[in-house]
């Protein structure tokens, strides 16, 4: 290379992808899933649920200030975070299960990036037209009034979708009607506005401009999925043995020239939101959305060829078809040792969470003995231990809890601030109560420095009880 010649660039500019409109069963399935997922996301915060006078009547609420998570009739307290951890484990196992059985169906149908990108492309198509019209507009160098009008209209629509996305998210963390009024009247907390701004911007950029770039470069799942798939995984593929050599038959072809079913119409490429050619084999970029199947089946129907040139298939089936052998039944691909193992683990975690949910009590207590000092000798020679008892009332109304102890009969219980052994705990709160256990002079055992004690708490309304074991410290005689 001469010194006058510029050095070659190592960076290739991104070519925007403009998918063509396609119709078919897989495209319709994506529309249904998009409508359901977006409907759940946008509407869930507005579902009302009676939670009593002291809490917002919201079915799904992440109360960070109160450190509580409400999901319809389920209430998760901070010490019960294992429920959330269990749900995350189930989500991970579910992702492994579906990937091992059907490839990247999560990416192609239900991933938020896919769902919002589909919505943004739909809006773009409504405003600017189908693929060819959008390509012409993109290649038009001059920014005239028409191009500026279409661009601004599209961007405003995208911005409103992003604003609704950020708005729906903050509604999960506060009472939705109250927060909506505060947002409109500019009385909401600055964190609400900043959160909406960040989510609006990220939705606008990721769904409108980055699109497939997020899936290829930002998301780690394409690189992990290979470990979840094997030769029996059903995924989108091209039947090369049937389609090659590709091309249309022409009068100029030599006698005896054979052509496959693929006429090289590029329909499968033009509808792909990732811009790949599935005929080149399995690729990391493929999200298994199956739009290429709809496009190819439509072409096959027009030229009188059987469908399935591009189809959901397993590598083992393709090898069998090449040799003229029958392929496996689809259920044999789905139900095999790996998927059965994932299903069993997923079910085991789910059953465990349900069991823990149904056996948990509406009244709980924790006991923390005072460590400095461990005990105090009073003026009359008796020994006193101090405990911080946290009482949790999970009911939607105030309850009176009675405390008692079981252990050495000579020990007696005292509550700080009251001469009674009962305390009122407000609805849906945790109350910290200081408790004293006193052993009279000479009553503590002399052969040990600690005595087992069980602290009981009883709900005086329904009789429900709970206990916590601890120890009484003292030197005795």
Protein backbone atom coordinates (compact mmCIF):
# COMPACT_ATOMS: atom_id res chain seq x y z
CA UNK A 1 0.00 0.00 0.00
CA UNK A 2 1.39 3.38 -0.96
CA UNK A 3 1.63 6.20 1.53
CA UNK A 4 -0.94 8.23 -0.40
CA UNK A 5 -3.62 5.54 -0.11
CA UNK A 6 -5.81 5.74 3.02
CA UNK A 7 -5.70 2.86 5.47
CA UNK A 8 -8.68 0.53 5.20
CA UNK A 9 -11.33 1.01 7.87
CA UNK A 10 -11.86 -1.80 10.34
CA UNK A 11 -15.34 -0.55 11.18
CA UNK A 12 -18.38 -1.36 9.06
CA UNK A 13 -21.31 0.99 9.50
CA UNK A 14 -24.60 -0.62 10.47
CA UNK A 15 -27.08 -1.17 7.68
CA UNK A 16 -30.60 -0.56 9.00
CA UNK A 17 -32.99 -3.48 8.64
CA UNK A 18 -36.49 -2.86 7.31
CA UNK A 19 -38.47 -6.13 7.61
CA UNK A 20 -41.25 -6.69 5.09
CA UNK A 21 -44.77 -7.33 6.25
CA UNK A 22 -45.71 -11.00 6.35
CA UNK A 23 -48.81 -12.94 7.37
CA UNK A 24 -49.17 -16.48 8.57
CA UNK A 25 -49.68 -18.59 11.72
CA UNK A 26 -46.37 -17.66 13.34
CA UNK A 27 -46.84 -13.96 12.66
CA UNK A 28 -50.35 -14.16 14.14
CA UNK A 29 -48.96 -15.98 17.18
CA UNK A 30 -46.49 -13.14 17.69
CA UNK A 31 -49.32 -10.60 17.48
CA UNK A 32 -51.31 -12.49 20.14
CA UNK A 33 -48.32 -12.78 22.47
CA UNK A 34 -47.46 -9.10 21.97
CA UNK A 35 -51.03 -8.07 22.82
CA UNK A 36 -51.11 -10.27 25.94
CA UNK A 37 -47.68 -9.28 27.28
CA UNK A 38 -48.13 -5.55 26.66
CA UNK A 39 -51.66 -5.71 28.09
CA UNK A 40 -50.36 -7.37 31.26
CA UNK A 41 -47.54 -4.83 31.61
CA UNK A 42 -49.61 -1.70 31.02
CA UNK A 43 -52.84 -2.70 32.81
CA UNK A 44 -51.67 -4.68 35.86
CA UNK A 45 -50.91 -1.62 38.07
CA UNK A 46 -54.53 -0.46 37.66
CA UNK A 47 -56.11 -3.66 38.98
CA UNK A 48 -57.69 -2.90 42.36
CA UNK A 49 -57.52 -5.17 45.41
CA UNK A 50 -58.94 -4.45 48.85
CA UNK A 51 -56.10 -4.33 51.38
CA UNK A 52 -57.80 -2.57 54.27
CA UNK A 53 -57.64 1.03 55.43
CA UNK A 54 -53.88 1.35 55.90
CA UNK A 55 -52.62 0.13 52.50
CA UNK A 56 -53.22 1.14 48.86
CA UNK A 57 -55.86 -0.96 47.14
CA UNK A 58 -53.53 -2.23 44.42
CA UNK A 59 -53.32 -5.86 43.31
CA UNK A 60 -49.62 -5.80 42.39
CA UNK A 61 -47.43 -3.38 44.33
CA UNK A 62 -43.70 -3.15 45.09
CA UNK A 63 -43.72 -1.09 48.27
CA UNK A 64 -40.05 -0.19 48.69
CA UNK A 65 -40.73 2.25 51.53
CA UNK A 66 -42.60 -0.41 53.49
CA UNK A 67 -40.26 -3.14 52.25
CA UNK A 68 -43.16 -5.25 51.08
CA UNK A 69 -44.26 -6.94 47.82
CA UNK A 70 -47.99 -7.45 47.20
CA UNK A 71 -49.30 -9.80 44.55
CA UNK A 72 -53.09 -10.16 44.76
CA UNK A 73 -53.68 -12.20 47.96
CA UNK A 74 -49.94 -12.86 48.51
CA UNK A 75 -47.82 -10.54 50.65
CA UNK A 76 -44.05 -11.00 50.71
CA UNK A 77 -42.12 -9.54 53.65
CA UNK A 78 -38.36 -8.79 53.60
CA UNK A 79 -37.46 -11.95 55.52
CA UNK A 80 -39.42 -13.99 52.94
CA UNK A 81 -37.26 -13.00 50.00
CA UNK A 82 -36.69 -16.68 49.32
CA UNK A 83 -40.04 -16.61 47.48
CA UNK A 84 -38.61 -14.08 45.02
CA UNK A 85 -35.40 -16.11 44.74
CA UNK A 86 -37.47 -19.22 44.04
CA UNK A 87 -39.40 -17.44 41.28
CA UNK A 88 -36.13 -16.33 39.69
CA UNK A 89 -34.86 -19.92 39.81
CA UNK A 90 -38.08 -21.10 38.16
CA UNK A 91 -37.70 -18.44 35.46
CA UNK A 92 -34.14 -19.60 34.75
CA UNK A 93 -35.14 -23.28 34.62
CA UNK A 94 -38.08 -22.39 32.39
CA UNK A 95 -35.74 -20.58 30.02
CA UNK A 96 -33.44 -23.62 29.93
CA UNK A 97 -36.43 -25.92 29.34
CA UNK A 98 -37.90 -23.98 26.41
CA UNK A 99 -34.49 -23.42 24.82
CA UNK A 100 -33.55 -27.10 24.98
CA UNK A 101 -36.92 -28.07 23.50
CA UNK A 102 -37.71 -25.30 21.00
CA UNK A 103 -34.60 -23.15 20.65
CA UNK A 104 -34.79 -19.40 21.26
CA UNK A 105 -38.58 -19.16 21.44
CA UNK A 106 -38.25 -16.75 24.37
CA UNK A 107 -36.18 -14.39 22.22
CA UNK A 108 -38.49 -14.71 19.23
CA UNK A 109 -41.84 -14.30 20.97
CA UNK A 110 -41.78 -12.97 24.54
CA UNK A 111 -38.51 -11.10 25.17
CA UNK A 112 -39.28 -7.43 26.01
CA UNK A 113 -36.75 -6.28 23.39
CA UNK A 114 -38.56 -8.35 20.74
CA UNK A 115 -42.03 -7.29 21.84
CA UNK A 116 -41.30 -3.56 21.89
CA UNK A 117 -39.29 -3.75 18.65
CA UNK A 118 -42.26 -5.45 16.97
CA UNK A 119 -44.49 -2.66 18.23
CA UNK A 120 -42.12 0.05 16.99
CA UNK A 121 -41.81 -1.62 13.56
CA UNK A 122 -45.61 -1.84 13.36
CA UNK A 123 -45.89 1.91 14.04
CA UNK A 124 -43.11 2.60 11.53
CA UNK A 125 -44.93 0.57 8.88
CA UNK A 126 -48.21 2.39 9.54
CA UNK A 127 -46.56 5.78 9.10
CA UNK A 128 -43.87 5.23 6.43
CA UNK A 129 -45.19 2.21 4.54
CA UNK A 130 -43.90 -1.30 3.96
CA UNK A 131 -40.30 -2.34 3.36
CA UNK A 132 -39.77 -0.85 -0.10
CA UNK A 133 -41.27 2.50 0.90
CA UNK A 134 -39.12 2.67 4.01
CA UNK A 135 -36.02 1.75 2.02
CA UNK A 136 -36.69 4.53 -0.48
CA UNK A 137 -37.19 7.00 2.35
CA UNK A 138 -33.97 5.88 4.02
CA UNK A 139 -31.94 6.17 0.80
CA UNK A 140 -33.35 9.60 0.08
CA UNK A 141 -30.51 11.96 0.91
CA UNK A 142 -32.49 15.18 0.76
CA UNK A 143 -34.53 16.05 3.86
CA UNK A 144 -37.68 17.48 2.27
CA UNK A 145 -40.96 18.33 4.01
CA UNK A 146 -42.46 14.87 3.46
CA UNK A 147 -39.49 13.01 4.92
CA UNK A 148 -39.29 15.39 7.89
CA UNK A 149 -43.03 15.01 8.52
CA UNK A 150 -42.91 11.20 8.42
CA UNK A 151 -39.82 11.07 10.61
CA UNK A 152 -41.23 13.44 13.23
CA UNK A 153 -44.59 11.65 13.28
CA UNK A 154 -42.86 8.31 13.80
CA UNK A 155 -40.54 9.62 16.51
CA UNK A 156 -43.40 11.27 18.38
CA UNK A 157 -45.34 7.96 18.31
CA UNK A 158 -42.25 6.12 19.56
CA UNK A 159 -41.73 8.67 22.30
CA UNK A 160 -45.34 8.28 23.50
CA UNK A 161 -44.91 4.50 23.60
CA UNK A 162 -41.71 4.94 25.59
CA UNK A 163 -43.42 7.40 27.93
CA UNK A 164 -46.26 4.93 28.53
CA UNK A 165 -43.65 2.23 29.18
CA UNK A 166 -41.82 4.30 31.79
CA UNK A 167 -45.12 5.47 33.30
CA UNK A 168 -46.41 1.91 33.66
CA UNK A 169 -43.19 0.88 35.40
CA UNK A 170 -43.34 3.55 38.13
CA UNK A 171 -47.00 2.69 38.79
CA UNK A 172 -45.84 -0.68 40.15
CA UNK A 173 -44.09 1.10 43.05
CA UNK A 174 -46.94 3.32 44.30
CA UNK A 175 -50.71 3.56 44.22
CA UNK A 176 -51.33 4.03 40.48
CA UNK A 177 -54.27 6.53 40.55
CA UNK A 178 -52.61 8.67 43.22
CA UNK A 179 -49.25 8.68 41.44
CA UNK A 180 -50.88 9.46 38.08
CA UNK A 181 -52.58 12.52 39.60
CA UNK A 182 -49.30 13.63 41.22
CA UNK A 183 -47.44 13.21 37.93
CA UNK A 184 -49.95 15.33 36.02
CA UNK A 185 -50.04 18.04 38.69
CA UNK A 186 -46.20 18.00 38.95
CA UNK A 187 -46.33 16.98 42.61
CA UNK A 188 -44.69 13.56 42.23
CA UNK A 189 -41.30 12.78 43.69
CA UNK A 190 -38.33 13.62 41.41
CA UNK A 191 -37.34 9.94 41.41
CA UNK A 192 -40.60 9.12 39.61
CA UNK A 193 -39.89 11.65 36.87
CA UNK A 194 -36.25 10.61 36.50
CA UNK A 195 -37.21 6.91 36.30
CA UNK A 196 -39.81 7.64 33.63
CA UNK A 197 -37.27 9.71 31.69
CA UNK A 198 -34.65 6.94 31.74
CA UNK A 199 -37.13 4.22 30.71
CA UNK A 200 -38.64 6.44 28.02
CA UNK A 201 -35.19 7.13 26.56
CA UNK A 202 -34.05 3.50 26.67
CA UNK A 203 -37.30 2.22 25.13
CA UNK A 204 -37.11 4.88 22.41
CA UNK A 205 -33.48 4.06 21.56
CA UNK A 206 -33.54 0.26 21.99
CA UNK A 207 -36.86 -0.35 20.23
CA UNK A 208 -36.53 2.33 17.58
CA UNK A 209 -32.86 2.45 16.63
CA UNK A 210 -30.76 -0.30 18.24
CA UNK A 211 -33.22 -3.15 17.62
CA UNK A 212 -31.22 -6.21 16.53
CA UNK A 213 -28.02 -4.64 17.87
CA UNK A 214 -29.23 -5.30 21.42
CA UNK A 215 -29.84 -8.97 20.62
CA UNK A 216 -26.50 -9.45 18.87
CA UNK A 217 -24.10 -7.41 20.98
CA UNK A 218 -25.71 -6.54 24.33
CA UNK A 219 -27.63 -9.69 25.25
CA UNK A 220 -25.58 -12.64 26.58
CA UNK A 221 -28.23 -15.26 25.82
CA UNK A 222 -27.23 -15.94 22.16
CA UNK A 223 -23.83 -17.06 23.44
CA UNK A 224 -25.30 -19.19 26.22
CA UNK A 225 -27.99 -20.92 24.19
CA UNK A 226 -25.58 -23.33 22.48
CA UNK A 227 -25.11 -25.14 25.79
CA UNK A 228 -28.87 -25.64 26.06
CA UNK A 229 -29.40 -27.07 22.57
CA UNK A 230 -28.55 -30.43 21.01
CA UNK A 231 -29.35 -32.33 17.83
CA UNK A 232 -32.91 -33.03 19.03
CA UNK A 233 -33.79 -29.37 19.72
CA UNK A 234 -36.52 -28.09 17.43
CA UNK A 235 -35.44 -24.85 15.80
CA UNK A 236 -35.96 -22.99 12.54
CA UNK A 237 -33.93 -24.50 9.71
CA UNK A 238 -33.67 -24.75 5.93
CA UNK A 239 -34.01 -28.12 4.16
CA UNK A 240 -30.97 -27.75 1.97
CA UNK A 241 -31.38 -31.20 0.44
CA UNK A 242 -34.71 -30.09 -0.95
CA UNK A 243 -34.01 -26.46 -1.82
CA UNK A 244 -30.62 -26.73 -3.58
CA UNK A 245 -29.58 -25.89 -6.16
CA UNK A 246 -31.68 -22.79 -5.76
CA UNK A 247 -32.95 -20.58 -8.56
CA UNK A 248 -35.82 -20.26 -11.01
CA UNK A 249 -36.06 -22.50 -14.03
CA UNK A 250 -35.31 -20.57 -17.25
CA UNK A 251 -35.60 -21.37 -20.93
CA UNK A 252 -31.89 -20.74 -21.29
CA UNK A 253 -31.02 -23.54 -18.87
CA UNK A 254 -29.14 -26.47 -20.36
CA UNK A 255 -31.13 -29.67 -20.91
CA UNK A 256 -31.31 -31.81 -17.78
CA UNK A 257 -30.63 -28.91 -15.40
CA UNK A 258 -32.18 -29.66 -12.05
CA UNK A 259 -33.40 -26.98 -9.65
CA UNK A 260 -34.43 -27.29 -6.02
CA UNK A 261 -37.64 -25.91 -4.57
CA UNK A 262 -35.97 -22.65 -3.49
CA UNK A 263 -36.42 -20.03 -6.22
CA UNK A 264 -34.07 -17.59 -4.47
CA UNK A 265 -36.83 -15.01 -4.04
CA UNK A 266 -35.23 -13.60 -0.84
CA UNK A 267 -38.61 -13.52 0.91
CA UNK A 268 -37.16 -15.25 3.97
CA UNK A 269 -34.41 -12.64 4.20
CA UNK A 270 -36.69 -9.65 3.63
CA UNK A 271 -39.01 -10.53 6.52
CA UNK A 272 -36.25 -11.36 9.03
CA UNK A 273 -36.00 -8.76 11.81
CA UNK A 274 -32.33 -9.74 12.31
CA UNK A 275 -31.47 -9.40 8.61
CA UNK A 276 -29.95 -12.89 8.26
CA UNK A 277 -30.34 -15.59 5.64
CA UNK A 278 -31.57 -18.76 7.30
CA UNK A 279 -30.42 -20.72 4.24
CA UNK A 280 -26.84 -20.22 5.43
CA UNK A 281 -27.51 -22.51 8.41
CA UNK A 282 -27.86 -21.92 12.13
CA UNK A 283 -26.56 -18.53 13.22
CA UNK A 284 -26.12 -16.80 16.53
CA UNK A 285 -28.31 -13.90 15.38
CA UNK A 286 -31.38 -16.07 14.70
CA UNK A 287 -34.07 -15.52 17.35
CA UNK A 288 -36.32 -18.35 16.09
CA UNK A 289 -39.25 -16.01 15.41
CA UNK A 290 -40.30 -18.22 12.44
CA UNK A 291 -41.37 -15.30 10.23
CA UNK A 292 -39.20 -16.80 7.49
CA UNK A 293 -41.38 -19.93 7.68
CA UNK A 294 -44.52 -17.89 7.00
CA UNK A 295 -42.84 -16.08 4.10
CA UNK A 296 -41.47 -19.27 2.52
CA UNK A 297 -44.72 -21.21 2.94
CA UNK A 298 -46.56 -18.38 1.18
CA UNK A 299 -44.15 -18.56 -1.77
CA UNK A 300 -44.33 -22.37 -1.91
CA UNK A 301 -48.13 -22.18 -2.09
CA UNK A 302 -47.92 -19.74 -5.01
CA UNK A 303 -45.56 -21.90 -7.07
CA UNK A 304 -47.33 -25.16 -6.25
CA UNK A 305 -44.64 -26.70 -4.03
CA UNK A 306 -45.19 -28.39 -0.65
CA UNK A 307 -44.66 -26.24 2.43
CA UNK A 308 -41.84 -26.86 4.87
CA UNK A 309 -38.80 -25.82 2.86
CA UNK A 310 -38.05 -23.65 5.91
CA UNK A 311 -39.57 -25.17 9.02
CA UNK A 312 -39.16 -26.03 12.68
CA UNK A 313 -36.95 -29.11 12.63
CA UNK A 314 -34.21 -30.87 14.55
CA UNK A 315 -30.74 -31.59 13.24
CA UNK A 316 -31.32 -35.31 13.71
CA UNK A 317 -34.49 -35.13 11.59
CA UNK A 318 -32.71 -33.30 8.79
CA UNK A 319 -30.01 -35.98 8.70
CA UNK A 320 -32.68 -38.70 8.59
CA UNK A 321 -34.54 -36.95 5.76
CA UNK A 322 -31.36 -36.70 3.72
CA UNK A 323 -31.08 -40.48 3.92
CA UNK A 324 -34.75 -41.01 3.12
CA UNK A 325 -35.64 -42.17 6.63
CA UNK A 326 -38.75 -41.07 8.57
CA UNK A 327 -38.21 -38.30 11.11
CA UNK A 328 -39.16 -38.53 14.77
CA UNK A 329 -42.52 -37.47 16.10
CA UNK A 330 -42.43 -33.88 17.35
CA UNK A 331 -43.31 -34.98 20.90
CA UNK A 332 -40.26 -37.25 21.01
CA UNK A 333 -38.15 -34.16 20.50
CA UNK A 334 -39.93 -32.24 23.24
CA UNK A 335 -40.14 -35.04 25.82
CA UNK A 336 -36.64 -36.42 26.17
CA UNK A 337 -34.33 -36.89 29.19
CA UNK A 338 -32.97 -33.34 29.20
CA UNK A 339 -36.36 -31.61 29.01
CA UNK A 340 -37.87 -34.05 31.50
CA UNK A 341 -35.06 -33.22 33.93
CA UNK A 342 -35.64 -29.47 33.53
CA UNK A 343 -39.39 -29.94 33.93
CA UNK A 344 -38.90 -32.01 37.08
CA UNK A 345 -36.59 -29.43 38.65
CA UNK A 346 -38.95 -26.59 37.67
CA UNK A 347 -41.92 -28.43 39.17
CA UNK A 348 -40.00 -29.31 42.32
CA UNK A 349 -39.14 -25.67 42.99
CA UNK A 350 -42.72 -24.62 42.24
CA UNK A 351 -44.23 -27.20 44.58
CA UNK A 352 -41.76 -26.19 47.28
CA UNK A 353 -42.75 -22.52 46.97
CA UNK A 354 -46.45 -23.37 47.09
CA UNK A 355 -45.94 -25.56 50.15
CA UNK A 356 -43.99 -22.78 51.91
CA UNK A 357 -46.67 -20.27 50.94
CA UNK A 358 -49.54 -22.31 52.35
CA UNK A 359 -47.87 -23.28 55.63
CA UNK A 360 -46.59 -19.83 56.57
CA UNK A 361 -48.33 -18.22 59.51
CA UNK A 362 -49.99 -14.80 59.69
CA UNK A 363 -48.25 -14.18 63.01
CA UNK A 364 -44.49 -14.40 63.44
CA UNK A 365 -41.85 -13.35 65.94
CA UNK A 366 -38.10 -13.10 66.14
CA UNK A 367 -36.15 -12.95 69.39
CA UNK A 368 -32.78 -11.21 69.80
CA UNK A 369 -31.24 -11.55 73.29
CA UNK A 370 -29.32 -8.58 74.64
CA UNK A 371 -25.62 -9.46 74.43
CA UNK A 372 -24.06 -6.66 76.45
CA UNK A 373 -24.60 -7.51 79.23
CA UNK A 374 -25.97 -11.02 78.85
CA UNK A 375 -27.72 -10.77 82.23
CA UNK A 376 -28.16 -8.33 85.11
CA UNK A 377 -28.24 -9.16 88.81
CA UNK A 378 -30.87 -7.03 90.51
CA UNK A 379 -30.68 -5.61 94.06
CA UNK A 380 -32.78 -8.44 95.50
CA UNK A 381 -30.46 -11.07 94.00
CA UNK A 382 -32.75 -12.04 91.12
CA UNK A 383 -31.36 -12.34 87.57
CA UNK A 384 -32.85 -10.52 84.57
CA UNK A 385 -32.31 -11.13 80.86
CA UNK A 386 -33.36 -8.65 78.18
CA UNK A 387 -34.74 -9.59 74.75
CA UNK A 388 -35.85 -7.60 71.70
CA UNK A 389 -38.90 -9.36 70.34
CA UNK A 390 -40.16 -8.36 66.88
CA UNK A 391 -43.84 -9.22 66.40
CA UNK A 392 -45.20 -9.36 62.84
CA UNK A 393 -48.91 -8.89 62.26
CA UNK A 394 -49.68 -9.90 58.66
CA UNK A 395 -53.42 -9.26 59.01
CA UNK A 396 -55.15 -6.23 57.55
CA UNK A 397 -56.39 -5.14 60.97
CA UNK A 398 -54.92 -4.40 64.39
CA UNK A 399 -54.39 -7.44 66.59
CA UNK A 400 -53.67 -7.95 70.30
CA UNK A 401 -50.83 -10.40 70.89
CA UNK A 402 -50.27 -12.06 74.26
CA UNK A 403 -46.76 -13.14 75.21
CA UNK A 404 -45.83 -15.95 77.57
CA UNK A 405 -42.86 -18.17 78.35
CA UNK A 406 -42.27 -21.86 78.91
CA UNK A 407 -39.25 -23.06 80.85
CA UNK A 408 -38.28 -22.88 84.51
CA UNK A 409 -41.50 -22.24 86.53
CA UNK A 410 -39.63 -19.71 88.70
CA UNK A 411 -39.10 -17.41 85.71
CA UNK A 412 -41.53 -14.59 85.05
CA UNK A 413 -42.16 -12.38 82.02
CA UNK A 414 -42.26 -8.57 81.95
CA UNK A 415 -43.02 -6.23 79.03
CA UNK A 416 -41.45 -2.82 78.85
CA UNK A 417 -44.00 0.00 78.99
CA UNK A 418 -46.92 -2.05 80.31
CA UNK A 419 -47.88 -4.15 83.31
CA UNK A 420 -49.80 -6.55 81.08
CA UNK A 421 -48.49 -9.46 79.07
CA UNK A 422 -50.26 -8.37 75.88
CA UNK A 423 -49.47 -5.70 73.30
CA UNK A 424 -51.41 -4.18 70.41
CA UNK A 425 -49.72 -4.64 67.01
CA UNK A 426 -51.00 -2.38 64.20
CA UNK A 427 -52.27 -3.90 60.96
CA UNK A 428 -49.70 -5.23 58.53
CA UNK A 429 -46.69 -4.03 60.49
CA UNK A 430 -43.85 -5.34 62.62
CA UNK A 431 -43.62 -4.09 66.23
CA UNK A 432 -40.38 -4.18 68.22
CA UNK A 433 -41.13 -4.93 71.87
CA UNK A 434 -38.55 -5.11 74.65
CA UNK A 435 -39.15 -8.10 76.92
CA UNK A 436 -37.59 -9.02 80.28
CA UNK A 437 -37.38 -12.48 81.79
CA UNK A 438 -36.60 -12.51 85.50
CA UNK A 439 -35.52 -15.46 87.60
CA UNK A 440 -35.84 -15.04 91.37
CA UNK A 441 -32.84 -15.37 93.66
CA UNK A 442 -31.54 -18.90 93.95
CA UNK A 443 -33.96 -20.30 91.34
CA UNK A 444 -31.53 -20.55 88.37
CA UNK A 445 -29.84 -23.95 88.03
CA UNK A 446 -26.33 -24.04 89.45
CA UNK A 447 -24.94 -26.64 87.05
CA UNK A 448 -25.24 -24.49 83.95
CA UNK A 449 -24.89 -20.87 82.92
CA UNK A 450 -27.91 -20.93 80.57
CA UNK A 451 -31.40 -22.36 80.62
CA UNK A 452 -33.58 -23.10 77.53
CA UNK A 453 -36.63 -20.83 77.28
CA UNK A 454 -39.45 -20.77 74.76
CA UNK A 455 -41.27 -17.48 74.14
CA UNK A 456 -44.84 -17.87 72.91
CA UNK A 457 -47.07 -15.31 71.22
CA UNK A 458 -50.82 -15.80 70.82
CA UNK A 459 -53.33 -13.89 68.70
CA UNK A 460 -56.21 -13.23 71.10
CA UNK A 461 -58.72 -12.92 68.24
CA UNK A 462 -58.29 -16.23 66.42
CA UNK A 463 -56.08 -18.13 68.88
CA UNK A 464 -53.22 -18.57 66.40
CA UNK A 465 -49.88 -19.14 68.12
CA UNK A 466 -46.19 -19.03 67.30
CA UNK A 467 -43.00 -19.47 69.31
CA UNK A 468 -39.28 -18.96 69.25
CA UNK A 469 -36.69 -20.79 71.35
CA UNK A 470 -33.96 -18.86 73.13
CA UNK A 471 -31.90 -19.16 76.30
CA UNK A 472 -31.80 -17.53 79.74
CA UNK A 473 -28.34 -16.63 80.99
CA UNK A 474 -27.37 -16.62 84.66
CA UNK A 475 -24.95 -18.22 87.15
CA UNK A 476 -27.59 -19.53 89.51
CA UNK A 477 -26.77 -20.21 93.14
